[in-house]
Structures are given as C-alpha cells and as structure tokens.
Amino acid sequence: MEDTPAQRPRRKPRSDGERSRRTILDAAAKLATVDGLEGLSIGRLADHIGMSKSGLYAHFGSKEELQLATIETAGEIFAAEVIAPARDATTPLMKIEVLCEQFLSHIERRVFPGGCFFASAAAEFDTHPGLVRERIAGFQRDWTDQLTQLVSEAQAAGQLRAEDPNQLAFELNGYLLMANTAFLLYDTPEAIQMARTATAARLALSRASS
C-alpha cells in the first residue's frame, strides 16, 4: 500500500545549516568593521572562524554575495540593538531620545568591534558604485527617514517646535556619527558622553514652549 503524506516521516528542518550560516554572518559583520567589507574574503573569513573554504563556498557563491548577506545581518543586529528598544517609548520625542541613546550605547558596548557597521561601510563604499553601495545607502536613508519622521510626529504632537525636520534629523545624526569616529580614533569614552550632551541640548533647543 502506498504511503499517504501523513504517514511519511517528516524531514527535519535544515536548522543546523541555518545556524551555521547565521554564525558565519555574525562573525562576518563584526570582522567587516575592522577589516572592511572589501577585506572580507571567503578565505579570510574561513581562517577567522576556523572553517574550511569549501564549507563557506557552500553558503556563498561569491564575494559580493557574502558582502550583501553580511550587510543584511548587520542590519538585523542594528535593528535589535538600536531600533527595537525605541518601540516601547510612549511618545515620538521619547523614541528619538531612545534611538540616539541606543546608537551611542551600541558603539560604547562594541556590539561591532569597529564601531557602527554602517558608518564604516559607508566610508568604504561611498565612491564605489554597485549593489553593495546601494544596499548601504538604502540602510542610511531608512535610518535618516526614521529620525525625520519621528521629528515630524513630535512636532505634530506639540513636543517640538516647528522647524525643518530634515535639518534636525541631520544634526542629530551628525552628533552620533562624530561620536563613533572620535570614540574609535581616540579610544576615549568622552566622545560618547559629549554626543549625549549635544543631542540632549539640541532637542532641548527644539522643544516647544509650554
């Protein structure tokens, strides 16, 4: 008698392969902030995590495919570390404050050993046209758009005074990126604290008078 679908043994999900790929990409995202995405060769990554080149080639067919997958994973890490905590904030202004704090915190905690992954990747690929640059630029646009949208919402809620939301988001982002650069270059936590002071002062300047 022929087996019915219900009688056939179910295949186990390929969870081991998925876990292996995630482990590889987590390592790649961290390594890329030190060696750069261009320095992220399959051979270099294989040596770093103690895996064979053939094993890595089974997951990624080319260097560009590895780079794009690494960018995606870095985005997921950033979302968990920086963006997700702001979802519990109850007002748009509080969301902005949490986003700024979590951005600085993820640098300070060295979630990526070479600082903000996307600041590093943008500096590396800003003059190199192609799909990798497009993905990095897309992330940066989404991040800036999120800040700008929250500024607009805070203005609509009467928490911030009327001004160009793009300008305010640009200035806040500038403080965050400068903190990232100075923290890495000078290896001092003072840069993080100065950025905290600067973002708080800038938001205070924009608060709507009660």
N, C-alpha and C. Protein backbone atom coordinates (compact mmCIF):
# COMPACT_ATOMS: atom_id res chain seq x y z
N MET A 1 0.85 -1.20 0.00
CA MET A 1 0.00 0.00 0.00
C MET A 1 0.88 1.24 0.00
N GLU A 2 0.53 2.23 -0.78
CA GLU A 2 1.34 3.45 -0.90
C GLU A 2 1.14 4.31 0.34
N ASP A 3 2.26 4.84 0.83
CA ASP A 3 2.18 5.72 1.99
C ASP A 3 1.43 6.99 1.63
N THR A 4 0.63 7.45 2.56
CA THR A 4 0.00 8.77 2.39
C THR A 4 0.95 9.82 2.95
N PRO A 5 0.76 11.09 2.57
CA PRO A 5 1.63 12.13 3.10
C PRO A 5 1.67 12.17 4.62
N ALA A 6 0.55 11.85 5.26
CA ALA A 6 0.52 11.90 6.73
C ALA A 6 1.34 10.78 7.33
N GLN A 7 1.51 9.65 6.57
CA GLN A 7 2.24 8.51 7.11
C GLN A 7 3.74 8.62 6.89
N ARG A 8 4.14 9.44 5.91
CA ARG A 8 5.57 9.54 5.62
C ARG A 8 6.28 10.30 6.72
N PRO A 9 7.48 9.88 7.06
CA PRO A 9 8.24 10.61 8.09
C PRO A 9 8.56 12.02 7.63
N ARG A 10 8.41 12.96 8.53
CA ARG A 10 8.69 14.36 8.19
C ARG A 10 10.19 14.60 8.18
N ARG A 11 10.60 15.41 7.23
CA ARG A 11 12.01 15.78 7.18
C ARG A 11 12.31 16.80 8.27
N LYS A 12 13.46 16.66 8.88
CA LYS A 12 13.87 17.64 9.87
C LYS A 12 14.22 18.95 9.18
N PRO A 13 13.81 20.06 9.73
CA PRO A 13 14.20 21.34 9.15
C PRO A 13 15.72 21.46 9.11
N ARG A 14 16.21 22.19 8.14
CA ARG A 14 17.66 22.33 8.00
C ARG A 14 18.17 23.40 8.96
N SER A 15 17.87 23.19 10.25
CA SER A 15 18.21 24.19 11.25
C SER A 15 19.72 24.29 11.45
N ASP A 16 20.43 23.17 11.34
CA ASP A 16 21.88 23.20 11.53
C ASP A 16 22.53 24.10 10.48
N GLY A 17 22.08 23.97 9.23
CA GLY A 17 22.62 24.81 8.18
C GLY A 17 22.30 26.26 8.39
N GLU A 18 21.08 26.55 8.86
CA GLU A 18 20.69 27.93 9.12
C GLU A 18 21.50 28.52 10.26
N ARG A 19 21.72 27.71 11.31
CA ARG A 19 22.53 28.19 12.44
C ARG A 19 23.96 28.44 12.00
N SER A 20 24.49 27.55 11.16
CA SER A 20 25.86 27.71 10.68
C SER A 20 25.99 28.99 9.86
N ARG A 21 25.02 29.23 9.00
CA ARG A 21 25.06 30.45 8.18
C ARG A 21 24.98 31.69 9.06
N ARG A 22 24.12 31.66 10.07
CA ARG A 22 23.99 32.80 10.96
C ARG A 22 25.29 33.04 11.72
N THR A 23 25.93 31.97 12.19
CA THR A 23 27.21 32.10 12.90
C THR A 23 28.26 32.74 12.00
N ILE A 24 28.29 32.30 10.75
CA ILE A 24 29.24 32.86 9.79
C ILE A 24 28.98 34.35 9.58
N LEU A 25 27.72 34.71 9.40
CA LEU A 25 27.39 36.10 9.10
C LEU A 25 27.56 37.01 10.30
N ASP A 26 27.29 36.51 11.50
CA ASP A 26 27.56 37.30 12.70
C ASP A 26 29.05 37.63 12.79
N ALA A 27 29.88 36.63 12.53
CA ALA A 27 31.33 36.84 12.55
C ALA A 27 31.74 37.79 11.44
N ALA A 28 31.13 37.65 10.27
CA ALA A 28 31.47 38.50 9.13
C ALA A 28 31.13 39.96 9.41
N ALA A 29 29.98 40.20 10.02
CA ALA A 29 29.56 41.57 10.32
C ALA A 29 30.53 42.25 11.27
N LYS A 30 31.00 41.52 12.26
CA LYS A 30 31.95 42.07 13.22
C LYS A 30 33.32 42.28 12.57
N LEU A 31 33.75 41.29 11.80
CA LEU A 31 35.06 41.38 11.16
C LEU A 31 35.10 42.52 10.14
N ALA A 32 33.99 42.76 9.46
CA ALA A 32 33.95 43.79 8.42
C ALA A 32 34.18 45.18 8.99
N THR A 33 33.84 45.41 10.26
CA THR A 33 34.06 46.74 10.84
C THR A 33 35.53 46.96 11.18
N VAL A 34 36.32 45.91 11.12
CA VAL A 34 37.76 46.02 11.39
C VAL A 34 38.55 45.94 10.08
N ASP A 35 38.25 44.94 9.26
CA ASP A 35 38.99 44.72 8.01
C ASP A 35 38.32 45.34 6.80
N GLY A 36 37.07 45.80 6.94
CA GLY A 36 36.34 46.34 5.81
C GLY A 36 35.60 45.25 5.05
N LEU A 37 34.56 45.64 4.35
CA LEU A 37 33.82 44.67 3.54
C LEU A 37 34.67 44.15 2.38
N GLU A 38 35.56 45.00 1.85
CA GLU A 38 36.44 44.54 0.78
C GLU A 38 37.46 43.53 1.29
N GLY A 39 37.83 43.66 2.55
CA GLY A 39 38.77 42.71 3.14
C GLY A 39 38.11 41.42 3.59
N LEU A 40 36.81 41.35 3.38
CA LEU A 40 36.02 40.19 3.83
C LEU A 40 36.01 39.12 2.75
N SER A 41 37.15 38.52 2.51
CA SER A 41 37.21 37.43 1.55
C SER A 41 36.76 36.13 2.21
N ILE A 42 36.35 35.20 1.39
CA ILE A 42 35.92 33.91 1.93
C ILE A 42 37.08 33.22 2.63
N GLY A 43 38.29 33.37 2.06
CA GLY A 43 39.45 32.77 2.70
C GLY A 43 39.75 33.40 4.05
N ARG A 44 39.68 34.73 4.14
CA ARG A 44 39.95 35.44 5.41
C ARG A 44 38.91 35.06 6.45
N LEU A 45 37.66 35.00 6.06
CA LEU A 45 36.61 34.66 7.00
C LEU A 45 36.73 33.21 7.45
N ALA A 46 37.09 32.33 6.53
CA ALA A 46 37.27 30.91 6.88
C ALA A 46 38.35 30.76 7.94
N ASP A 47 39.45 31.47 7.78
CA ASP A 47 40.53 31.42 8.78
C ASP A 47 40.06 31.98 10.11
N HIS A 48 39.27 33.05 10.06
CA HIS A 48 38.83 33.74 11.28
C HIS A 48 37.93 32.86 12.14
N ILE A 49 37.04 32.09 11.50
CA ILE A 49 36.10 31.28 12.28
C ILE A 49 36.49 29.80 12.32
N GLY A 50 37.62 29.47 11.72
CA GLY A 50 38.09 28.09 11.76
C GLY A 50 37.25 27.14 10.93
N MET A 51 36.87 27.59 9.74
CA MET A 51 36.04 26.78 8.86
C MET A 51 36.74 26.63 7.52
N SER A 52 36.45 25.57 6.81
CA SER A 52 37.10 25.36 5.52
C SER A 52 36.51 26.30 4.47
N LYS A 53 37.33 26.64 3.47
CA LYS A 53 36.83 27.48 2.39
C LYS A 53 35.68 26.81 1.65
N SER A 54 35.79 25.52 1.48
CA SER A 54 34.73 24.80 0.77
C SER A 54 33.42 24.88 1.55
N GLY A 55 33.51 24.84 2.88
CA GLY A 55 32.32 24.96 3.70
C GLY A 55 31.66 26.32 3.53
N LEU A 56 32.49 27.37 3.42
CA LEU A 56 31.94 28.71 3.21
C LEU A 56 31.36 28.87 1.82
N TYR A 57 32.03 28.29 0.83
CA TYR A 57 31.53 28.37 -0.54
C TYR A 57 30.16 27.70 -0.67
N ALA A 58 29.88 26.75 0.23
CA ALA A 58 28.57 26.09 0.20
C ALA A 58 27.46 27.06 0.57
N HIS A 59 27.82 28.10 1.33
CA HIS A 59 26.84 29.09 1.75
C HIS A 59 26.81 30.31 0.83
N PHE A 60 27.96 30.69 0.28
CA PHE A 60 28.07 31.92 -0.51
C PHE A 60 28.85 31.63 -1.79
N GLY A 61 28.24 31.94 -2.91
CA GLY A 61 28.87 31.62 -4.18
C GLY A 61 29.89 32.64 -4.64
N SER A 62 29.87 33.83 -4.05
CA SER A 62 30.79 34.88 -4.49
C SER A 62 31.06 35.83 -3.34
N LYS A 63 32.08 36.66 -3.52
CA LYS A 63 32.41 37.65 -2.50
C LYS A 63 31.28 38.67 -2.35
N GLU A 64 30.69 39.08 -3.47
CA GLU A 64 29.61 40.05 -3.39
C GLU A 64 28.41 39.47 -2.65
N GLU A 65 28.11 38.21 -2.90
CA GLU A 65 27.00 37.56 -2.19
C GLU A 65 27.27 37.54 -0.69
N LEU A 66 28.51 37.28 -0.31
CA LEU A 66 28.89 37.31 1.11
C LEU A 66 28.73 38.72 1.67
N GLN A 67 29.17 39.72 0.93
CA GLN A 67 29.07 41.10 1.39
C GLN A 67 27.62 41.52 1.58
N LEU A 68 26.76 41.17 0.63
CA LEU A 68 25.35 41.55 0.72
C LEU A 68 24.66 40.84 1.89
N ALA A 69 24.99 39.58 2.09
CA ALA A 69 24.41 38.85 3.22
C ALA A 69 24.90 39.42 4.54
N THR A 70 26.15 39.87 4.57
CA THR A 70 26.72 40.48 5.77
C THR A 70 26.02 41.79 6.10
N ILE A 71 25.74 42.59 5.08
CA ILE A 71 25.02 43.84 5.29
C ILE A 71 23.63 43.58 5.86
N GLU A 72 22.96 42.58 5.32
CA GLU A 72 21.63 42.23 5.83
C GLU A 72 21.68 41.81 7.29
N THR A 73 22.67 40.99 7.64
CA THR A 73 22.81 40.55 9.02
C THR A 73 23.15 41.71 9.95
N ALA A 74 24.03 42.60 9.49
CA ALA A 74 24.37 43.78 10.30
C ALA A 74 23.13 44.64 10.53
N GLY A 75 22.27 44.72 9.53
CA GLY A 75 21.03 45.47 9.69
C GLY A 75 20.12 44.85 10.74
N GLU A 76 20.08 43.53 10.78
CA GLU A 76 19.27 42.84 11.78
C GLU A 76 19.83 43.07 13.19
N ILE A 77 21.14 43.04 13.31
CA ILE A 77 21.78 43.29 14.61
C ILE A 77 21.49 44.73 15.05
N PHE A 78 21.65 45.66 14.13
CA PHE A 78 21.39 47.08 14.43
C PHE A 78 19.94 47.28 14.85
N ALA A 79 19.03 46.63 14.15
CA ALA A 79 17.62 46.76 14.49
C ALA A 79 17.34 46.26 15.90
N ALA A 80 17.95 45.15 16.27
CA ALA A 80 17.73 44.59 17.60
C ALA A 80 18.36 45.45 18.69
N GLU A 81 19.54 45.99 18.41
CA GLU A 81 20.29 46.73 19.43
C GLU A 81 19.86 48.19 19.55
N VAL A 82 19.46 48.80 18.45
CA VAL A 82 19.22 50.24 18.43
C VAL A 82 17.74 50.58 18.24
N ILE A 83 17.12 49.96 17.25
CA ILE A 83 15.76 50.36 16.88
C ILE A 83 14.69 49.74 17.77
N ALA A 84 14.82 48.45 18.07
CA ALA A 84 13.79 47.76 18.85
C ALA A 84 13.52 48.39 20.21
N PRO A 85 14.55 48.81 20.97
CA PRO A 85 14.26 49.40 22.29
C PRO A 85 13.40 50.65 22.23
N ALA A 86 13.41 51.36 21.10
CA ALA A 86 12.62 52.59 21.00
C ALA A 86 11.14 52.32 20.80
N ARG A 87 10.79 51.09 20.45
CA ARG A 87 9.38 50.79 20.18
C ARG A 87 8.53 50.90 21.44
N ASP A 88 9.14 50.72 22.60
CA ASP A 88 8.36 50.78 23.84
C ASP A 88 8.19 52.20 24.35
N ALA A 89 8.89 53.15 23.75
CA ALA A 89 8.74 54.55 24.17
C ALA A 89 7.34 55.04 23.82
N THR A 90 6.77 55.86 24.67
CA THR A 90 5.35 56.20 24.54
C THR A 90 5.09 57.44 23.69
N THR A 91 6.10 58.26 23.42
CA THR A 91 5.89 59.47 22.61
C THR A 91 6.96 59.53 21.53
N PRO A 92 6.70 60.28 20.45
CA PRO A 92 7.70 60.43 19.40
C PRO A 92 9.02 61.00 19.91
N LEU A 93 8.94 61.99 20.80
CA LEU A 93 10.16 62.59 21.33
C LEU A 93 10.96 61.58 22.13
N MET A 94 10.27 60.78 22.93
CA MET A 94 10.96 59.75 23.69
C MET A 94 11.60 58.72 22.76
N LYS A 95 10.95 58.41 21.66
CA LYS A 95 11.53 57.47 20.69
C LYS A 95 12.83 58.03 20.11
N ILE A 96 12.83 59.33 19.80
CA ILE A 96 14.06 59.95 19.29
C ILE A 96 15.16 59.85 20.32
N GLU A 97 14.83 60.15 21.55
CA GLU A 97 15.84 60.11 22.62
C GLU A 97 16.39 58.70 22.81
N VAL A 98 15.51 57.70 22.75
CA VAL A 98 15.97 56.32 22.91
C VAL A 98 16.83 55.89 21.73
N LEU A 99 16.44 56.26 20.51
CA LEU A 99 17.24 55.91 19.34
C LEU A 99 18.64 56.49 19.44
N CYS A 100 18.72 57.75 19.83
CA CYS A 100 20.04 58.38 19.97
C CYS A 100 20.87 57.69 21.04
N GLU A 101 20.25 57.41 22.17
CA GLU A 101 20.96 56.75 23.26
C GLU A 101 21.40 55.35 22.86
N GLN A 102 20.53 54.60 22.23
CA GLN A 102 20.88 53.23 21.86
C GLN A 102 21.95 53.19 20.77
N PHE A 103 21.94 54.15 19.87
CA PHE A 103 23.01 54.24 18.88
C PHE A 103 24.35 54.42 19.58
N LEU A 104 24.40 55.37 20.51
CA LEU A 104 25.65 55.62 21.24
C LEU A 104 26.02 54.42 22.10
N SER A 105 25.02 53.79 22.71
CA SER A 105 25.28 52.64 23.57
C SER A 105 25.86 51.46 22.78
N HIS A 106 25.36 51.24 21.58
CA HIS A 106 25.85 50.09 20.82
C HIS A 106 27.30 50.30 20.37
N ILE A 107 27.69 51.56 20.20
CA ILE A 107 29.10 51.86 19.94
C ILE A 107 29.92 51.62 21.20
N GLU A 108 29.45 52.18 22.30
CA GLU A 108 30.15 52.10 23.58
C GLU A 108 30.33 50.65 24.03
N ARG A 109 29.32 49.81 23.77
CA ARG A 109 29.39 48.41 24.16
C ARG A 109 30.13 47.55 23.14
N ARG A 110 30.55 48.17 22.06
CA ARG A 110 31.28 47.49 20.98
C ARG A 110 30.51 46.26 20.48
N VAL A 111 29.24 46.51 20.18
CA VAL A 111 28.45 45.47 19.53
C VAL A 111 29.16 45.02 18.25
N PHE A 112 29.68 45.99 17.51
CA PHE A 112 30.62 45.74 16.42
C PHE A 112 31.97 46.27 16.88
N PRO A 113 33.03 45.47 16.81
CA PRO A 113 34.31 45.92 17.37
C PRO A 113 34.89 47.16 16.70
N GLY A 114 34.50 47.40 15.44
CA GLY A 114 35.00 48.57 14.74
C GLY A 114 34.00 49.70 14.67
N GLY A 115 33.12 49.79 15.66
CA GLY A 115 32.14 50.86 15.70
C GLY A 115 30.91 50.55 14.86
N CYS A 116 30.15 51.58 14.52
CA CYS A 116 28.92 51.40 13.75
C CYS A 116 29.24 50.74 12.41
N PHE A 117 28.62 49.61 12.15
CA PHE A 117 28.87 48.88 10.91
C PHE A 117 28.59 49.76 9.70
N PHE A 118 27.48 50.47 9.71
CA PHE A 118 27.06 51.20 8.52
C PHE A 118 27.84 52.48 8.31
N ALA A 119 28.36 53.08 9.38
CA ALA A 119 29.26 54.22 9.22
C ALA A 119 30.56 53.75 8.56
N SER A 120 31.05 52.62 9.02
CA SER A 120 32.27 52.04 8.44
C SER A 120 32.07 51.66 6.98
N ALA A 121 30.96 50.99 6.69
CA ALA A 121 30.71 50.53 5.33
C ALA A 121 30.47 51.71 4.38
N ALA A 122 29.79 52.75 4.86
CA ALA A 122 29.53 53.92 4.02
C ALA A 122 30.83 54.62 3.65
N ALA A 123 31.73 54.76 4.61
CA ALA A 123 33.02 55.40 4.33
C ALA A 123 33.83 54.59 3.33
N GLU A 124 33.66 53.28 3.37
CA GLU A 124 34.42 52.40 2.48
C GLU A 124 33.87 52.39 1.06
N PHE A 125 32.55 52.45 0.91
CA PHE A 125 31.93 52.25 -0.40
C PHE A 125 31.27 53.50 -0.98
N ASP A 126 31.45 54.66 -0.35
CA ASP A 126 30.74 55.83 -0.84
C ASP A 126 31.13 56.25 -2.25
N THR A 127 32.31 55.85 -2.72
CA THR A 127 32.73 56.19 -4.09
C THR A 127 32.84 54.96 -4.98
N HIS A 128 32.21 53.86 -4.57
CA HIS A 128 32.28 52.62 -5.34
C HIS A 128 30.87 52.20 -5.78
N PRO A 129 30.46 52.58 -6.98
CA PRO A 129 29.11 52.23 -7.45
C PRO A 129 28.90 50.72 -7.48
N GLY A 130 27.66 50.33 -7.29
CA GLY A 130 27.34 48.91 -7.35
C GLY A 130 26.28 48.54 -6.35
N LEU A 131 25.92 47.27 -6.32
CA LEU A 131 24.84 46.79 -5.48
C LEU A 131 25.17 46.91 -3.99
N VAL A 132 26.42 46.68 -3.63
CA VAL A 132 26.80 46.80 -2.21
C VAL A 132 26.59 48.22 -1.73
N ARG A 133 27.06 49.19 -2.52
CA ARG A 133 26.86 50.59 -2.15
C ARG A 133 25.37 50.93 -2.05
N GLU A 134 24.57 50.42 -2.98
CA GLU A 134 23.14 50.70 -2.96
C GLU A 134 22.47 50.19 -1.69
N ARG A 135 22.88 49.00 -1.25
CA ARG A 135 22.29 48.45 -0.01
C ARG A 135 22.68 49.29 1.20
N ILE A 136 23.94 49.72 1.24
CA ILE A 136 24.40 50.55 2.35
C ILE A 136 23.66 51.89 2.35
N ALA A 137 23.55 52.50 1.16
CA ALA A 137 22.85 53.77 1.05
C ALA A 137 21.38 53.63 1.42
N GLY A 138 20.78 52.51 1.06
CA GLY A 138 19.39 52.26 1.41
C GLY A 138 19.19 52.20 2.91
N PHE A 139 20.11 51.53 3.59
CA PHE A 139 20.01 51.49 5.05
C PHE A 139 20.14 52.89 5.64
N GLN A 140 21.11 53.67 5.17
CA GLN A 140 21.32 55.01 5.70
C GLN A 140 20.10 55.90 5.46
N ARG A 141 19.50 55.76 4.29
CA ARG A 141 18.28 56.54 4.01
C ARG A 141 17.15 56.15 4.96
N ASP A 142 16.99 54.85 5.18
CA ASP A 142 15.92 54.39 6.08
C ASP A 142 16.13 54.92 7.49
N TRP A 143 17.38 54.90 7.95
CA TRP A 143 17.70 55.38 9.30
C TRP A 143 17.39 56.88 9.42
N THR A 144 17.85 57.65 8.45
CA THR A 144 17.61 59.09 8.47
C THR A 144 16.12 59.40 8.33
N ASP A 145 15.44 58.65 7.46
CA ASP A 145 14.00 58.86 7.28
C ASP A 145 13.24 58.57 8.56
N GLN A 146 13.70 57.57 9.31
CA GLN A 146 13.03 57.24 10.57
C GLN A 146 13.17 58.38 11.57
N LEU A 147 14.37 58.93 11.68
CA LEU A 147 14.58 60.08 12.57
C LEU A 147 13.72 61.26 12.12
N THR A 148 13.71 61.53 10.82
CA THR A 148 12.95 62.66 10.29
C THR A 148 11.46 62.48 10.55
N GLN A 149 10.95 61.28 10.34
CA GLN A 149 9.54 61.01 10.58
C GLN A 149 9.16 61.21 12.04
N LEU A 150 10.03 60.77 12.93
CA LEU A 150 9.75 60.93 14.36
C LEU A 150 9.78 62.40 14.76
N VAL A 151 10.68 63.17 14.16
CA VAL A 151 10.70 64.61 14.43
C VAL A 151 9.39 65.23 13.99
N SER A 152 8.93 64.86 12.80
CA SER A 152 7.65 65.38 12.30
C SER A 152 6.50 65.00 13.23
N GLU A 153 6.51 63.77 13.72
CA GLU A 153 5.45 63.32 14.64
C GLU A 153 5.51 64.08 15.96
N ALA A 154 6.72 64.32 16.44
CA ALA A 154 6.88 65.07 17.69
C ALA A 154 6.41 66.51 17.52
N GLN A 155 6.63 67.07 16.34
CA GLN A 155 6.14 68.42 16.07
C GLN A 155 4.62 68.43 16.01
N ALA A 156 4.05 67.43 15.36
CA ALA A 156 2.59 67.35 15.26
C ALA A 156 1.95 67.16 16.63
N ALA A 157 2.67 66.50 17.53
CA ALA A 157 2.16 66.25 18.88
C ALA A 157 2.41 67.43 19.81
N GLY A 158 3.07 68.47 19.31
CA GLY A 158 3.33 69.64 20.13
C GLY A 158 4.51 69.49 21.05
N GLN A 159 5.34 68.49 20.83
CA GLN A 159 6.52 68.28 21.69
C GLN A 159 7.74 69.04 21.19
N LEU A 160 7.82 69.25 19.89
CA LEU A 160 8.91 70.02 19.30
C LEU A 160 8.33 71.17 18.50
N ARG A 161 9.05 72.27 18.47
CA ARG A 161 8.59 73.43 17.72
C ARG A 161 8.72 73.19 16.22
N ALA A 162 8.01 73.99 15.47
CA ALA A 162 8.03 73.86 14.02
C ALA A 162 9.39 74.32 13.46
N GLU A 163 10.03 73.45 12.74
CA GLU A 163 11.28 73.74 12.02
C GLU A 163 11.46 72.63 11.00
N ASP A 164 12.45 72.75 10.16
CA ASP A 164 12.68 71.74 9.13
C ASP A 164 13.07 70.42 9.80
N PRO A 165 12.23 69.39 9.73
CA PRO A 165 12.56 68.12 10.40
C PRO A 165 13.78 67.45 9.80
N ASN A 166 14.02 67.66 8.51
CA ASN A 166 15.22 67.09 7.89
C ASN A 166 16.49 67.68 8.50
N GLN A 167 16.45 68.96 8.78
CA GLN A 167 17.62 69.63 9.35
C GLN A 167 17.92 69.11 10.75
N LEU A 168 16.89 68.98 11.56
CA LEU A 168 17.09 68.49 12.92
C LEU A 168 17.60 67.06 12.91
N ALA A 169 17.01 66.21 12.08
CA ALA A 169 17.47 64.82 11.98
C ALA A 169 18.92 64.76 11.51
N PHE A 170 19.28 65.63 10.56
CA PHE A 170 20.65 65.69 10.05
C PHE A 170 21.63 66.04 11.17
N GLU A 171 21.27 67.03 11.98
CA GLU A 171 22.16 67.46 13.06
C GLU A 171 22.32 66.36 14.12
N LEU A 172 21.23 65.74 14.48
CA LEU A 172 21.31 64.66 15.47
C LEU A 172 22.19 63.52 14.96
N ASN A 173 21.97 63.15 13.71
CA ASN A 173 22.77 62.09 13.12
C ASN A 173 24.24 62.48 13.06
N GLY A 174 24.50 63.75 12.81
CA GLY A 174 25.88 64.23 12.78
C GLY A 174 26.57 64.04 14.12
N TYR A 175 25.88 64.33 15.21
CA TYR A 175 26.46 64.11 16.54
C TYR A 175 26.79 62.63 16.76
N LEU A 176 25.87 61.77 16.34
CA LEU A 176 26.05 60.33 16.55
C LEU A 176 27.24 59.81 15.75
N LEU A 177 27.34 60.22 14.50
CA LEU A 177 28.43 59.74 13.66
C LEU A 177 29.78 60.29 14.11
N MET A 178 29.80 61.53 14.57
CA MET A 178 31.05 62.10 15.08
C MET A 178 31.49 61.37 16.34
N ALA A 179 30.55 60.99 17.18
CA ALA A 179 30.88 60.22 18.37
C ALA A 179 31.51 58.89 17.99
N ASN A 180 30.96 58.25 16.98
CA ASN A 180 31.50 56.98 16.50
C ASN A 180 32.95 57.15 16.04
N THR A 181 33.19 58.18 15.23
CA THR A 181 34.54 58.43 14.71
C THR A 181 35.53 58.72 15.84
N ALA A 182 35.16 59.62 16.73
CA ALA A 182 36.08 60.03 17.79
C ALA A 182 36.32 58.90 18.79
N PHE A 183 35.28 58.13 19.07
CA PHE A 183 35.43 57.01 20.01
C PHE A 183 36.45 56.01 19.49
N LEU A 184 36.39 55.74 18.19
CA LEU A 184 37.31 54.77 17.60
C LEU A 184 38.70 55.36 17.42
N LEU A 185 38.77 56.59 16.96
CA LEU A 185 40.06 57.20 16.63
C LEU A 185 40.89 57.51 17.86
N TYR A 186 40.23 58.02 18.89
CA TYR A 186 40.95 58.44 20.09
C TYR A 186 40.83 57.46 21.24
N ASP A 187 39.97 56.44 21.06
CA ASP A 187 39.79 55.40 22.07
C ASP A 187 39.47 56.00 23.44
N THR A 188 38.48 56.87 23.44
CA THR A 188 38.09 57.52 24.68
C THR A 188 36.58 57.56 24.80
N PRO A 189 36.03 57.27 25.98
CA PRO A 189 34.57 57.32 26.17
C PRO A 189 34.03 58.75 26.23
N GLU A 190 34.93 59.73 26.30
CA GLU A 190 34.47 61.12 26.39
C GLU A 190 33.65 61.51 25.17
N ALA A 191 33.99 60.95 24.02
CA ALA A 191 33.26 61.27 22.79
C ALA A 191 31.79 60.86 22.89
N ILE A 192 31.55 59.73 23.52
CA ILE A 192 30.16 59.26 23.67
C ILE A 192 29.39 60.20 24.58
N GLN A 193 30.00 60.61 25.68
CA GLN A 193 29.32 61.49 26.61
C GLN A 193 29.08 62.86 25.99
N MET A 194 30.04 63.35 25.23
CA MET A 194 29.87 64.64 24.56
C MET A 194 28.70 64.59 23.58
N ALA A 195 28.55 63.46 22.89
CA ALA A 195 27.42 63.32 21.96
C ALA A 195 26.10 63.25 22.72
N ARG A 196 26.09 62.60 23.87
CA ARG A 196 24.88 62.57 24.69
C ARG A 196 24.49 63.99 25.09
N THR A 197 25.48 64.76 25.51
CA THR A 197 25.22 66.14 25.91
C THR A 197 24.72 66.96 24.72
N ALA A 198 25.33 66.76 23.56
CA ALA A 198 24.98 67.53 22.37
C ALA A 198 23.57 67.21 21.89
N THR A 199 23.21 65.93 21.85
CA THR A 199 21.87 65.57 21.37
C THR A 199 20.79 66.08 22.34
N ALA A 200 21.08 65.96 23.64
CA ALA A 200 20.11 66.46 24.63
C ALA A 200 19.92 67.96 24.50
N ALA A 201 21.03 68.69 24.31
CA ALA A 201 20.96 70.14 24.19
C ALA A 201 20.22 70.55 22.91
N ARG A 202 20.46 69.82 21.83
CA ARG A 202 19.81 70.17 20.57
C ARG A 202 18.31 69.92 20.65
N LEU A 203 17.92 68.83 21.28
CA LEU A 203 16.49 68.55 21.43
C LEU A 203 15.84 69.54 22.38
N ALA A 204 16.57 69.95 23.43
CA ALA A 204 16.04 70.95 24.36
C ALA A 204 15.80 72.27 23.64
N LEU A 205 16.69 72.61 22.73
CA LEU A 205 16.57 73.85 21.96
C LEU A 205 15.32 73.82 21.08
N SER A 206 14.95 72.61 20.64
CA SER A 206 13.81 72.47 19.73
C SER A 206 12.50 72.18 20.45
N ARG A 207 12.55 72.02 21.74
CA ARG A 207 11.30 71.73 22.46
C ARG A 207 10.31 72.88 22.33
N ALA A 208 9.07 72.52 22.16
CA ALA A 208 8.02 73.54 22.08
C ALA A 208 7.84 74.18 23.44
N SER A 209 7.69 75.49 23.45
CA SER A 209 7.48 76.17 24.73
C SER A 209 6.08 75.86 25.23
N SER A 210 5.99 75.55 26.54
CA SER A 210 4.71 75.15 27.11
C SER A 210 3.85 76.38 27.44
